[in-house]
Amino acid sequence: MSPALLFVLLGLVLGIVVLPRVLREKRLDDSAFGRSDIRAALAGGVAELPPFMESLPTDEHAGRYLFTLACSHALTKKRGIDAWARREPESADAQLVLGACQLRRAWLARGYGRGFQVSRRKADNFETELQACDESLQRAARLSPDDPTPWAYLVMVATWRGESLESRWQCFEQAIARDPDNWAAHLHMTVALSEKWGGSHAAMFEFARERAGAAPEGSDVHMVLAKAHLERWKYHWMFDGDDDAAVLYARNQAVLAETITAYERSLASDQHEEKATTFLARVNAAAWFFVQNDHQRLVEQLEHLGGGLRDPHWIWAGLDGAVADAWRFARTGVVGPR
């Protein structure tokens, strides 16, 4: 056998055997939020999900949301999750994990892009997946009536299905009736009220400011203001096509002051209470400080996030660029392209 042919065969073997393992490891790292316990559970596959969910205290709402979110990104295509839910139809945990995965499947079926860029076939698949997701989450809510997590997810289901703002509000209110400080519900409702999803800039900011104003010192909820500003900034360039307006918005002194005040009452407060979902609040804070070129506060949040911060989290926050750009700015203080 010639050396050239041997080299080709070796490449094929590596591609068939090694590459899937590499991709699997990356998917686990991208989904675990830097937590070794979550990564271990995800690596164990569907069989490890029930004991992990059962190990969480019944009032550990933040942990339930973070873990089901991790499942939805690492195990979305694992049909064993569907089998678990069918096998245990009275398990709130099984229905919740399935609902979270179905929500992710719905978005993958739709694909990224604005509404007019989504084909009819993709839109139909999106709706089909959302209908299944809605049923699973409603079932989880009935089986575990004290859990706000299904309702937090249902805010996004109602939003993506184009349901009325009243319907979205009802889901949000169900969630905070069970957990007034629920980060996921507040984050999803901020998006639900945004102009890009049929709300308005005014409604989104009214909500974010009202909820931040009512939140206690040290709550993550204050940082929904960072998410609201990210949404408004992104609308300038993605929907209005006005890059200059986006730059001016990020440099607006009133916006800077409002965000810093929220930050000082939240993540920077000596009364801050760290929760499982604080990771997500920190991602949104870091993303906004990156947009604002706020080097000091970006560094503070990157130090907390560490290696747990991955590219997909940056996209969730509304930034499509690589996390590497944020780390480069943190290390050098040199502003790169946004």
C-alpha atoms as a PDB file:
ATOM      1  CA  MET A   1       0.000   0.000   0.000  1.00  0.00           C
ATOM      2  CA  SER A   2       1.396   3.362  -0.985  1.00  0.00           C
ATOM      3  CA  PRO A   3       2.073   5.992   1.720  1.00  0.00           C
ATOM      4  CA  ALA A   4      -0.428   8.324   0.054  1.00  0.00           C
ATOM      5  CA  LEU A   5      -3.219   5.743   0.168  1.00  0.00           C
ATOM      6  CA  LEU A   6      -2.346   4.892   3.757  1.00  0.00           C
ATOM      7  CA  PHE A   7      -2.575   8.567   4.667  1.00  0.00           C
ATOM      8  CA  VAL A   8      -6.017   8.822   3.059  1.00  0.00           C
ATOM      9  CA  LEU A   9      -7.279   5.717   4.859  1.00  0.00           C
ATOM     10  CA  LEU A  10      -5.948   7.001   8.168  1.00  0.00           C
ATOM     11  CA  GLY A  11      -7.782  10.272   7.614  1.00  0.00           C
ATOM     12  CA  LEU A  12     -11.006   8.412   6.919  1.00  0.00           C
ATOM     13  CA  VAL A  13     -10.646   6.363  10.092  1.00  0.00           C
ATOM     14  CA  LEU A  14      -9.980   9.463  12.158  1.00  0.00           C
ATOM     15  CA  GLY A  15     -12.975  11.179  10.605  1.00  0.00           C
ATOM     16  CA  ILE A  16     -15.276   8.246  11.273  1.00  0.00           C
ATOM     17  CA  VAL A  17     -14.046   7.339  14.761  1.00  0.00           C
ATOM     18  CA  VAL A  18     -12.436  10.372  16.329  1.00  0.00           C
ATOM     19  CA  LEU A  19     -14.421  13.331  14.978  1.00  0.00           C
ATOM     20  CA  PRO A  20     -17.800  12.247  16.422  1.00  0.00           C
ATOM     21  CA  ARG A  21     -16.168  11.879  19.837  1.00  0.00           C
ATOM     22  CA  VAL A  22     -14.586  15.307  19.564  1.00  0.00           C
ATOM     23  CA  LEU A  23     -17.907  16.858  18.557  1.00  0.00           C
ATOM     24  CA  ARG A  24     -19.702  15.065  21.400  1.00  0.00           C
ATOM     25  CA  GLU A  25     -17.193  16.353  23.943  1.00  0.00           C
ATOM     26  CA  LYS A  26     -17.562  19.880  22.590  1.00  0.00           C
ATOM     27  CA  ARG A  27     -21.351  19.639  22.754  1.00  0.00           C
ATOM     28  CA  LEU A  28     -21.141  18.545  26.389  1.00  0.00           C
ATOM     29  CA  ASP A  29     -18.761  21.393  27.229  1.00  0.00           C
ATOM     30  CA  ASP A  30     -20.983  23.895  25.413  1.00  0.00           C
ATOM     31  CA  SER A  31     -24.038  22.711  27.347  1.00  0.00           C
ATOM     32  CA  ALA A  32     -22.761  22.253  30.910  1.00  0.00           C
ATOM     33  CA  PHE A  33     -22.269  25.922  31.921  1.00  0.00           C
ATOM     34  CA  GLY A  34     -18.888  25.048  33.419  1.00  0.00           C
ATOM     35  CA  ARG A  35     -20.475  22.702  35.978  1.00  0.00           C
ATOM     36  CA  SER A  36     -18.879  19.296  36.343  1.00  0.00           C
ATOM     37  CA  ASP A  37     -21.995  17.735  37.882  1.00  0.00           C
ATOM     38  CA  ILE A  38     -24.175  18.764  34.945  1.00  0.00           C
ATOM     39  CA  ARG A  39     -21.562  17.608  32.453  1.00  0.00           C
ATOM     40  CA  ALA A  40     -21.292  14.214  34.124  1.00  0.00           C
ATOM     41  CA  ALA A  41     -25.061  13.751  34.063  1.00  0.00           C
ATOM     42  CA  LEU A  42     -25.269  14.737  30.409  1.00  0.00           C
ATOM     43  CA  ALA A  43     -22.384  12.429  29.518  1.00  0.00           C
ATOM     44  CA  GLY A  44     -24.259   9.534  31.106  1.00  0.00           C
ATOM     45  CA  GLY A  45     -27.119  10.007  28.683  1.00  0.00           C
ATOM     46  CA  VAL A  46     -30.825   9.689  29.322  1.00  0.00           C
ATOM     47  CA  ALA A  47     -30.353   7.091  32.079  1.00  0.00           C
ATOM     48  CA  GLU A  48     -28.618   9.688  34.268  1.00  0.00           C
ATOM     49  CA  LEU A  49     -31.301  12.348  33.941  1.00  0.00           C
ATOM     50  CA  PRO A  50     -33.903  10.991  36.415  1.00  0.00           C
ATOM     51  CA  PRO A  51     -31.480  10.617  39.349  1.00  0.00           C
ATOM     52  CA  PHE A  52     -30.027  14.079  38.726  1.00  0.00           C
ATOM     53  CA  MET A  53     -33.468  15.681  38.630  1.00  0.00           C
ATOM     54  CA  GLU A  54     -34.492  13.782  41.761  1.00  0.00           C
ATOM     55  CA  SER A  55     -31.374  14.992  43.569  1.00  0.00           C
ATOM     56  CA  LEU A  56     -32.468  18.627  43.225  1.00  0.00           C
ATOM     57  CA  PRO A  57     -34.471  20.024  46.158  1.00  0.00           C
ATOM     58  CA  THR A  58     -38.118  20.583  45.284  1.00  0.00           C
ATOM     59  CA  ASP A  59     -37.680  24.348  45.712  1.00  0.00           C
ATOM     60  CA  GLU A  60     -34.477  24.505  43.642  1.00  0.00           C
ATOM     61  CA  HIS A  61     -36.245  26.150  40.725  1.00  0.00           C
ATOM     62  CA  ALA A  62     -33.122  27.764  39.274  1.00  0.00           C
ATOM     63  CA  GLY A  63     -31.342  24.414  39.223  1.00  0.00           C
ATOM     64  CA  ARG A  64     -34.245  22.707  37.462  1.00  0.00           C
ATOM     65  CA  TYR A  65     -34.313  25.355  34.768  1.00  0.00           C
ATOM     66  CA  LEU A  66     -30.552  25.333  34.202  1.00  0.00           C
ATOM     67  CA  PHE A  67     -30.349  21.546  34.008  1.00  0.00           C
ATOM     68  CA  THR A  68     -33.304  21.185  31.641  1.00  0.00           C
ATOM     69  CA  LEU A  69     -31.810  23.938  29.488  1.00  0.00           C
ATOM     70  CA  ALA A  70     -28.545  21.978  29.428  1.00  0.00           C
ATOM     71  CA  CYS A  71     -30.450  18.819  28.428  1.00  0.00           C
ATOM     72  CA  SER A  72     -32.184  20.672  25.624  1.00  0.00           C
ATOM     73  CA  HIS A  73     -28.871  21.595  24.038  1.00  0.00           C
ATOM     74  CA  ALA A  74     -26.823  18.471  24.693  1.00  0.00           C
ATOM     75  CA  LEU A  75     -29.497  15.812  24.213  1.00  0.00           C
ATOM     76  CA  THR A  76     -32.070  17.391  21.887  1.00  0.00           C
ATOM     77  CA  LYS A  77     -31.889  14.612  19.325  1.00  0.00           C
ATOM     78  CA  LYS A  78     -31.835  11.770  21.852  1.00  0.00           C
ATOM     79  CA  ARG A  79     -35.095   9.946  21.250  1.00  0.00           C
ATOM     80  CA  GLY A  80     -34.525   8.168  24.561  1.00  0.00           C
ATOM     81  CA  ILE A  81     -35.976  11.299  26.172  1.00  0.00           C
ATOM     82  CA  ASP A  82     -39.228  10.766  24.284  1.00  0.00           C
ATOM     83  CA  ALA A  83     -39.190   7.111  25.373  1.00  0.00           C
ATOM     84  CA  TRP A  84     -38.641   8.148  29.021  1.00  0.00           C
ATOM     85  CA  ALA A  85     -41.632  10.499  28.864  1.00  0.00           C
ATOM     86  CA  ARG A  86     -43.811   7.811  27.274  1.00  0.00           C
ATOM     87  CA  ARG A  87     -42.667   5.234  29.813  1.00  0.00           C
ATOM     88  CA  GLU A  88     -43.366   7.556  32.748  1.00  0.00           C
ATOM     89  CA  PRO A  89     -46.305   9.732  31.714  1.00  0.00           C
ATOM     90  CA  GLU A  90     -46.904  10.746  35.342  1.00  0.00           C
ATOM     91  CA  SER A  91     -43.323  11.947  35.844  1.00  0.00           C
ATOM     92  CA  ALA A  92     -43.177  15.739  35.941  1.00  0.00           C
ATOM     93  CA  ASP A  93     -39.403  15.531  35.468  1.00  0.00           C
ATOM     94  CA  ALA A  94     -39.712  13.485  32.284  1.00  0.00           C
ATOM     95  CA  GLN A  95     -42.352  15.793  30.824  1.00  0.00           C
ATOM     96  CA  LEU A  96     -40.337  18.900  31.724  1.00  0.00           C
ATOM     97  CA  VAL A  97     -37.113  17.615  30.148  1.00  0.00           C
ATOM     98  CA  LEU A  98     -39.033  16.538  27.049  1.00  0.00           C
ATOM     99  CA  GLY A  99     -40.721  19.940  26.813  1.00  0.00           C
ATOM    100  CA  ALA A 100     -37.395  21.742  27.071  1.00  0.00           C
ATOM    101  CA  CYS A 101     -35.934  19.523  24.333  1.00  0.00           C
ATOM    102  CA  GLN A 102     -38.997  20.030  22.135  1.00  0.00           C
ATOM    103  CA  LEU A 103     -38.619  23.793  22.473  1.00  0.00           C
ATOM    104  CA  ARG A 104     -35.060  23.473  21.210  1.00  0.00           C
ATOM    105  CA  ARG A 105     -36.163  21.148  18.411  1.00  0.00           C
ATOM    106  CA  ALA A 106     -38.731  23.733  17.373  1.00  0.00           C
ATOM    107  CA  TRP A 107     -36.085  26.423  16.987  1.00  0.00           C
ATOM    108  CA  LEU A 108     -33.792  24.077  15.065  1.00  0.00           C
ATOM    109  CA  ALA A 109     -36.705  23.243  12.767  1.00  0.00           C
ATOM    110  CA  ARG A 110     -37.278  26.946  12.144  1.00  0.00           C
ATOM    111  CA  GLY A 111     -33.649  28.000  11.864  1.00  0.00           C
ATOM    112  CA  TYR A 112     -32.145  31.402  12.565  1.00  0.00           C
ATOM    113  CA  GLY A 113     -33.243  34.397  10.568  1.00  0.00           C
ATOM    114  CA  ARG A 114     -36.106  36.867  10.375  1.00  0.00           C
ATOM    115  CA  GLY A 115     -39.644  35.688   9.709  1.00  0.00           C
ATOM    116  CA  PHE A 116     -39.630  36.458   5.988  1.00  0.00           C
ATOM    117  CA  GLN A 117     -36.471  34.361   5.608  1.00  0.00           C
ATOM    118  CA  VAL A 118     -38.143  31.229   7.025  1.00  0.00           C
ATOM    119  CA  SER A 119     -39.689  28.936   4.398  1.00  0.00           C
ATOM    120  CA  ARG A 120     -43.269  27.708   4.687  1.00  0.00           C
ATOM    121  CA  ARG A 121     -42.041  24.163   5.282  1.00  0.00           C
ATOM    122  CA  LYS A 122     -39.793  25.290   8.139  1.00  0.00           C
ATOM    123  CA  ALA A 123     -42.568  27.439   9.600  1.00  0.00           C
ATOM    124  CA  ASP A 124     -44.945  24.464   9.565  1.00  0.00           C
ATOM    125  CA  ASN A 125     -42.348  22.237  11.248  1.00  0.00           C
ATOM    126  CA  PHE A 126     -41.764  24.985  13.801  1.00  0.00           C
ATOM    127  CA  GLU A 127     -45.452  25.083  14.694  1.00  0.00           C
ATOM    128  CA  THR A 128     -45.718  21.284  14.868  1.00  0.00           C
ATOM    129  CA  GLU A 129     -42.820  21.073  17.319  1.00  0.00           C
ATOM    130  CA  LEU A 130     -44.195  23.958  19.385  1.00  0.00           C
ATOM    131  CA  GLN A 131     -47.578  22.262  19.666  1.00  0.00           C
ATOM    132  CA  ALA A 132     -45.924  19.105  21.018  1.00  0.00           C
ATOM    133  CA  CYS A 133     -43.788  21.225  23.340  1.00  0.00           C
ATOM    134  CA  ASP A 134     -46.831  23.067  24.668  1.00  0.00           C
ATOM    135  CA  GLU A 135     -48.552  19.774  25.490  1.00  0.00           C
ATOM    136  CA  SER A 136     -45.498  18.398  27.330  1.00  0.00           C
ATOM    137  CA  LEU A 137     -44.985  21.545  29.381  1.00  0.00           C
ATOM    138  CA  GLN A 138     -48.665  21.867  30.253  1.00  0.00           C
ATOM    139  CA  ARG A 139     -48.554  18.264  31.428  1.00  0.00           C
ATOM    140  CA  ALA A 140     -45.420  18.972  33.512  1.00  0.00           C
ATOM    141  CA  ALA A 141     -47.175  21.979  35.065  1.00  0.00           C
ATOM    142  CA  ARG A 142     -50.176  19.863  36.050  1.00  0.00           C
ATOM    143  CA  LEU A 143     -47.996  17.110  37.518  1.00  0.00           C
ATOM    144  CA  SER A 144     -45.870  19.536  39.534  1.00  0.00           C
ATOM    145  CA  PRO A 145     -48.157  22.463  40.377  1.00  0.00           C
ATOM    146  CA  ASP A 146     -45.584  24.272  42.544  1.00  0.00           C
ATOM    147  CA  ASP A 147     -42.874  24.331  39.868  1.00  0.00           C
ATOM    148  CA  PRO A 148     -42.498  27.637  37.959  1.00  0.00           C
ATOM    149  CA  THR A 149     -40.161  26.074  35.370  1.00  0.00           C
ATOM    150  CA  PRO A 150     -42.799  24.819  32.886  1.00  0.00           C
ATOM    151  CA  TRP A 151     -44.468  28.224  32.989  1.00  0.00           C
ATOM    152  CA  ALA A 152     -41.174  30.016  32.340  1.00  0.00           C
ATOM    153  CA  TYR A 153     -40.692  27.905  29.221  1.00  0.00           C
ATOM    154  CA  LEU A 154     -44.326  28.409  28.214  1.00  0.00           C
ATOM    155  CA  VAL A 155     -43.697  32.164  27.976  1.00  0.00           C
ATOM    156  CA  MET A 156     -41.393  31.388  25.050  1.00  0.00           C
ATOM    157  CA  VAL A 157     -43.802  28.871  23.540  1.00  0.00           C
ATOM    158  CA  ALA A 158     -46.553  31.497  23.523  1.00  0.00           C
ATOM    159  CA  THR A 159     -44.145  34.054  22.069  1.00  0.00           C
ATOM    160  CA  TRP A 160     -42.848  31.849  19.278  1.00  0.00           C
ATOM    161  CA  ARG A 161     -46.377  30.739  18.375  1.00  0.00           C
ATOM    162  CA  GLY A 162     -47.401  34.367  18.001  1.00  0.00           C
ATOM    163  CA  GLU A 163     -50.012  34.142  20.742  1.00  0.00           C
ATOM    164  CA  SER A 164     -51.424  37.311  22.262  1.00  0.00           C
ATOM    165  CA  LEU A 165     -49.451  39.402  24.727  1.00  0.00           C
ATOM    166  CA  GLU A 166     -52.146  38.534  27.253  1.00  0.00           C
ATOM    167  CA  SER A 167     -51.359  34.841  26.837  1.00  0.00           C
ATOM    168  CA  ARG A 168     -47.653  35.519  27.386  1.00  0.00           C
ATOM    169  CA  TRP A 169     -48.463  37.564  30.486  1.00  0.00           C
ATOM    170  CA  GLN A 170     -50.577  34.745  31.877  1.00  0.00           C
ATOM    171  CA  CYS A 171     -47.675  32.290  31.616  1.00  0.00           C
ATOM    172  CA  PHE A 172     -45.311  34.790  33.218  1.00  0.00           C
ATOM    173  CA  GLU A 173     -47.685  35.462  36.085  1.00  0.00           C
ATOM    174  CA  GLN A 174     -48.076  31.739  36.707  1.00  0.00           C
ATOM    175  CA  ALA A 175     -44.295  31.439  36.958  1.00  0.00           C
ATOM    176  CA  ILE A 176     -43.703  34.332  39.347  1.00  0.00           C
ATOM    177  CA  ALA A 177     -46.662  33.307  41.515  1.00  0.00           C
ATOM    178  CA  ARG A 178     -44.507  30.276  42.325  1.00  0.00           C
ATOM    179  CA  ASP A 179     -41.134  32.057  42.355  1.00  0.00           C
ATOM    180  CA  PRO A 180     -41.219  35.892  42.303  1.00  0.00           C
ATOM    181  CA  ASP A 181     -37.478  36.126  41.607  1.00  0.00           C
ATOM    182  CA  ASN A 182     -37.451  33.574  38.773  1.00  0.00           C
ATOM    183  CA  TRP A 183     -34.730  34.582  36.319  1.00  0.00           C
ATOM    184  CA  ALA A 184     -35.933  32.448  33.404  1.00  0.00           C
ATOM    185  CA  ALA A 185     -39.467  33.848  33.524  1.00  0.00           C
ATOM    186  CA  HIS A 186     -38.178  37.426  33.611  1.00  0.00           C
ATOM    187  CA  LEU A 187     -35.707  36.823  30.806  1.00  0.00           C
ATOM    188  CA  HIS A 188     -38.318  35.182  28.575  1.00  0.00           C
ATOM    189  CA  MET A 189     -40.897  37.871  29.286  1.00  0.00           C
ATOM    190  CA  THR A 190     -38.422  40.575  28.307  1.00  0.00           C
ATOM    191  CA  VAL A 191     -38.053  38.867  24.939  1.00  0.00           C
ATOM    192  CA  ALA A 192     -41.821  38.220  24.736  1.00  0.00           C
ATOM    193  CA  LEU A 193     -42.516  41.954  24.982  1.00  0.00           C
ATOM    194  CA  SER A 194     -39.818  42.979  22.497  1.00  0.00           C
ATOM    195  CA  GLU A 195     -40.750  44.602  19.223  1.00  0.00           C
ATOM    196  CA  LYS A 196     -39.232  41.804  17.164  1.00  0.00           C
ATOM    197  CA  TRP A 197     -41.742  39.359  18.678  1.00  0.00           C
ATOM    198  CA  GLY A 198     -44.841  41.522  18.317  1.00  0.00           C
ATOM    199  CA  GLY A 199     -44.456  43.728  21.365  1.00  0.00           C
ATOM    200  CA  SER A 200     -42.818  47.128  21.441  1.00  0.00           C
ATOM    201  CA  HIS A 201     -39.638  48.752  22.696  1.00  0.00           C
ATOM    202  CA  ALA A 202     -41.744  50.780  25.131  1.00  0.00           C
ATOM    203  CA  ALA A 203     -43.515  47.719  26.564  1.00  0.00           C
ATOM    204  CA  MET A 204     -40.251  45.833  26.932  1.00  0.00           C
ATOM    205  CA  PHE A 205     -38.546  48.645  28.820  1.00  0.00           C
ATOM    206  CA  GLU A 206     -41.582  49.356  30.955  1.00  0.00           C
ATOM    207  CA  PHE A 207     -41.545  45.726  32.054  1.00  0.00           C
ATOM    208  CA  ALA A 208     -37.790  45.555  32.636  1.00  0.00           C
ATOM    209  CA  ARG A 209     -37.707  48.792  34.638  1.00  0.00           C
ATOM    210  CA  GLU A 210     -40.756  47.907  36.678  1.00  0.00           C
ATOM    211  CA  ARG A 211     -39.470  44.451  37.577  1.00  0.00           C
ATOM    212  CA  ALA A 212     -35.958  45.700  38.312  1.00  0.00           C
ATOM    213  CA  GLY A 213     -37.389  48.472  40.462  1.00  0.00           C
ATOM    214  CA  ALA A 214     -39.433  45.967  42.476  1.00  0.00           C
ATOM    215  CA  ALA A 215     -36.640  43.400  42.832  1.00  0.00           C
ATOM    216  CA  PRO A 216     -34.757  43.252  46.133  1.00  0.00           C
ATOM    217  CA  GLU A 217     -31.149  44.299  46.458  1.00  0.00           C
ATOM    218  CA  GLY A 218     -28.899  41.485  45.250  1.00  0.00           C
ATOM    219  CA  SER A 219     -31.435  39.914  42.878  1.00  0.00           C
ATOM    220  CA  ASP A 220     -30.434  38.766  39.393  1.00  0.00           C
ATOM    221  CA  VAL A 221     -33.703  40.246  38.103  1.00  0.00           C
ATOM    222  CA  HIS A 222     -32.118  43.707  37.894  1.00  0.00           C
ATOM    223  CA  MET A 223     -30.075  42.422  34.962  1.00  0.00           C
ATOM    224  CA  VAL A 224     -33.119  42.039  32.712  1.00  0.00           C
ATOM    225  CA  LEU A 225     -32.348  45.678  31.949  1.00  0.00           C
ATOM    226  CA  ALA A 226     -29.112  44.547  30.322  1.00  0.00           C
ATOM    227  CA  LYS A 227     -31.106  42.074  28.218  1.00  0.00           C
ATOM    228  CA  ALA A 228     -33.595  44.790  27.246  1.00  0.00           C
ATOM    229  CA  HIS A 229     -30.778  47.096  26.139  1.00  0.00           C
ATOM    230  CA  LEU A 230     -29.173  44.256  24.173  1.00  0.00           C
ATOM    231  CA  GLU A 231     -32.488  43.699  22.387  1.00  0.00           C
ATOM    232  CA  ARG A 232     -32.878  47.399  21.582  1.00  0.00           C
ATOM    233  CA  TRP A 233     -29.273  47.715  20.398  1.00  0.00           C
ATOM    234  CA  LYS A 234     -29.587  44.645  18.187  1.00  0.00           C
ATOM    235  CA  TYR A 235     -32.853  45.903  16.683  1.00  0.00           C
ATOM    236  CA  HIS A 236     -31.040  48.987  15.378  1.00  0.00           C
ATOM    237  CA  TRP A 237     -28.692  46.993  13.166  1.00  0.00           C
ATOM    238  CA  MET A 238     -30.610  43.776  12.530  1.00  0.00           C
ATOM    239  CA  PHE A 239     -34.078  45.169  11.794  1.00  0.00           C
ATOM    240  CA  ASP A 240     -33.474  48.855  11.031  1.00  0.00           C
ATOM    241  CA  GLY A 241     -30.175  48.241   9.234  1.00  0.00           C
ATOM    242  CA  ASP A 242     -28.699  51.249  11.023  1.00  0.00           C
ATOM    243  CA  ASP A 243     -25.245  50.429  12.354  1.00  0.00           C
ATOM    244  CA  ASP A 244     -24.564  54.059  13.271  1.00  0.00           C
ATOM    245  CA  ALA A 245     -27.667  54.192  15.463  1.00  0.00           C
ATOM    246  CA  ALA A 246     -26.553  50.969  17.175  1.00  0.00           C
ATOM    247  CA  VAL A 247     -23.167  52.508  17.988  1.00  0.00           C
ATOM    248  CA  LEU A 248     -24.765  55.691  19.317  1.00  0.00           C
ATOM    249  CA  TYR A 249     -27.162  53.657  21.421  1.00  0.00           C
ATOM    250  CA  ALA A 250     -24.338  51.690  23.033  1.00  0.00           C
ATOM    251  CA  ARG A 251     -22.564  54.983  23.861  1.00  0.00           C
ATOM    252  CA  ASN A 252     -25.651  56.760  25.210  1.00  0.00           C
ATOM    253  CA  GLN A 253     -24.794  58.086  28.673  1.00  0.00           C
ATOM    254  CA  ALA A 254     -28.297  57.544  30.077  1.00  0.00           C
ATOM    255  CA  VAL A 255     -28.191  53.916  28.931  1.00  0.00           C
ATOM    256  CA  LEU A 256     -24.742  53.493  30.470  1.00  0.00           C
ATOM    257  CA  ALA A 257     -25.880  54.953  33.782  1.00  0.00           C
ATOM    258  CA  GLU A 258     -29.043  52.832  33.956  1.00  0.00           C
ATOM    259  CA  THR A 259     -27.148  49.616  33.269  1.00  0.00           C
ATOM    260  CA  ILE A 260     -24.461  50.365  35.841  1.00  0.00           C
ATOM    261  CA  THR A 261     -27.083  51.165  38.483  1.00  0.00           C
ATOM    262  CA  ALA A 262     -28.809  47.833  37.796  1.00  0.00           C
ATOM    263  CA  TYR A 263     -25.473  46.037  37.943  1.00  0.00           C
ATOM    264  CA  GLU A 264     -24.525  47.608  41.271  1.00  0.00           C
ATOM    265  CA  ARG A 265     -27.860  46.528  42.766  1.00  0.00           C
ATOM    266  CA  SER A 266     -27.466  43.024  41.392  1.00  0.00           C
ATOM    267  CA  LEU A 267     -24.305  41.137  40.483  1.00  0.00           C
ATOM    268  CA  ALA A 268     -21.978  43.720  42.048  1.00  0.00           C
ATOM    269  CA  SER A 269     -23.963  44.041  45.277  1.00  0.00           C
ATOM    270  CA  ASP A 270     -22.536  42.639  48.503  1.00  0.00           C
ATOM    271  CA  GLN A 271     -26.052  41.282  49.062  1.00  0.00           C
ATOM    272  CA  HIS A 272     -26.071  39.337  45.801  1.00  0.00           C
ATOM    273  CA  GLU A 273     -27.467  35.812  46.084  1.00  0.00           C
ATOM    274  CA  GLU A 274     -25.801  33.359  43.707  1.00  0.00           C
ATOM    275  CA  LYS A 275     -28.207  30.913  42.079  1.00  0.00           C
ATOM    276  CA  ALA A 276     -27.821  28.272  39.394  1.00  0.00           C
ATOM    277  CA  THR A 277     -29.268  30.652  36.802  1.00  0.00           C
ATOM    278  CA  THR A 278     -26.934  33.480  37.843  1.00  0.00           C
ATOM    279  CA  PHE A 279     -24.642  32.100  35.147  1.00  0.00           C
ATOM    280  CA  LEU A 280     -27.194  33.266  32.566  1.00  0.00           C
ATOM    281  CA  ALA A 281     -27.566  36.683  34.181  1.00  0.00           C
ATOM    282  CA  ARG A 282     -23.784  37.052  34.059  1.00  0.00           C
ATOM    283  CA  VAL A 283     -23.703  36.103  30.369  1.00  0.00           C
ATOM    284  CA  ASN A 284     -26.175  38.869  29.533  1.00  0.00           C
ATOM    285  CA  ALA A 285     -24.287  41.354  31.691  1.00  0.00           C
ATOM    286  CA  ALA A 286     -20.968  40.429  30.087  1.00  0.00           C
ATOM    287  CA  ALA A 287     -22.438  40.679  26.595  1.00  0.00           C
ATOM    288  CA  TRP A 288     -23.796  44.162  27.264  1.00  0.00           C
ATOM    289  CA  PHE A 289     -20.572  45.379  28.865  1.00  0.00           C
ATOM    290  CA  PHE A 290     -18.732  44.090  25.797  1.00  0.00           C
ATOM    291  CA  VAL A 291     -21.048  46.076  23.517  1.00  0.00           C
ATOM    292  CA  GLN A 292     -20.512  49.149  25.694  1.00  0.00           C
ATOM    293  CA  ASN A 293     -16.716  48.704  25.745  1.00  0.00           C
ATOM    294  CA  ASP A 294     -16.941  48.635  29.549  1.00  0.00           C
ATOM    295  CA  HIS A 295     -13.647  46.857  30.102  1.00  0.00           C
ATOM    296  CA  GLN A 296     -13.695  46.785  33.909  1.00  0.00           C
ATOM    297  CA  ARG A 297     -17.140  45.238  34.284  1.00  0.00           C
ATOM    298  CA  LEU A 298     -16.639  42.845  31.391  1.00  0.00           C
ATOM    299  CA  VAL A 299     -13.506  41.509  33.069  1.00  0.00           C
ATOM    300  CA  GLU A 300     -15.381  41.119  36.363  1.00  0.00           C
ATOM    301  CA  GLN A 301     -18.029  38.963  34.736  1.00  0.00           C
ATOM    302  CA  LEU A 302     -15.640  36.920  32.597  1.00  0.00           C
ATOM    303  CA  GLU A 303     -13.697  36.064  35.737  1.00  0.00           C
ATOM    304  CA  HIS A 304     -16.885  34.649  37.244  1.00  0.00           C
ATOM    305  CA  LEU A 305     -17.902  32.803  34.080  1.00  0.00           C
ATOM    306  CA  GLY A 306     -14.453  31.399  33.319  1.00  0.00           C
ATOM    307  CA  GLY A 307     -14.221  28.449  30.967  1.00  0.00           C
ATOM    308  CA  GLY A 308     -17.931  27.789  31.339  1.00  0.00           C
ATOM    309  CA  LEU A 309     -18.680  30.593  28.870  1.00  0.00           C
ATOM    310  CA  ARG A 310     -19.032  29.186  25.357  1.00  0.00           C
ATOM    311  CA  ASP A 311     -19.995  30.555  21.953  1.00  0.00           C
ATOM    312  CA  PRO A 312     -23.637  29.357  22.106  1.00  0.00           C
ATOM    313  CA  HIS A 313     -24.200  31.380  25.308  1.00  0.00           C
ATOM    314  CA  TRP A 314     -23.007  34.503  23.518  1.00  0.00           C
ATOM    315  CA  ILE A 315     -25.539  33.890  20.747  1.00  0.00           C
ATOM    316  CA  TRP A 316     -28.319  33.432  23.323  1.00  0.00           C
ATOM    317  CA  ALA A 317     -27.464  36.850  24.729  1.00  0.00           C
ATOM    318  CA  GLY A 318     -27.911  38.371  21.290  1.00  0.00           C
ATOM    319  CA  LEU A 319     -24.329  38.503  20.034  1.00  0.00           C
ATOM    320  CA  ASP A 320     -23.402  36.402  17.028  1.00  0.00           C
ATOM    321  CA  GLY A 321     -19.666  36.983  17.299  1.00  0.00           C
ATOM    322  CA  ALA A 322     -17.218  34.600  18.942  1.00  0.00           C
ATOM    323  CA  VAL A 323     -16.592  34.648  22.666  1.00  0.00           C
ATOM    324  CA  ALA A 324     -12.911  34.889  21.739  1.00  0.00           C
ATOM    325  CA  ASP A 325     -13.471  38.554  20.838  1.00  0.00           C
ATOM    326  CA  ALA A 326     -14.684  39.311  24.365  1.00  0.00           C
ATOM    327  CA  TRP A 327     -11.746  37.512  25.957  1.00  0.00           C
ATOM    328  CA  ARG A 328      -9.350  39.355  23.641  1.00  0.00           C
ATOM    329  CA  PHE A 329     -10.848  42.696  24.654  1.00  0.00           C
ATOM    330  CA  ALA A 330     -10.656  41.681  28.314  1.00  0.00           C
ATOM    331  CA  ARG A 331      -6.970  40.766  27.997  1.00  0.00           C
ATOM    332  CA  THR A 332      -5.799  43.652  25.827  1.00  0.00           C
ATOM    333  CA  GLY A 333      -8.362  46.428  26.236  1.00  0.00           C
ATOM    334  CA  VAL A 334      -8.276  46.793  22.445  1.00  0.00           C
ATOM    335  CA  VAL A 335     -11.704  47.119  20.880  1.00  0.00           C
ATOM    336  CA  GLY A 336     -12.304  44.750  17.996  1.00  0.00           C
ATOM    337  CA  PRO A 337     -15.105  44.764  15.445  1.00  0.00           C
ATOM    338  CA  ARG A 338     -18.611  44.107  16.739  1.00  0.00           C
END
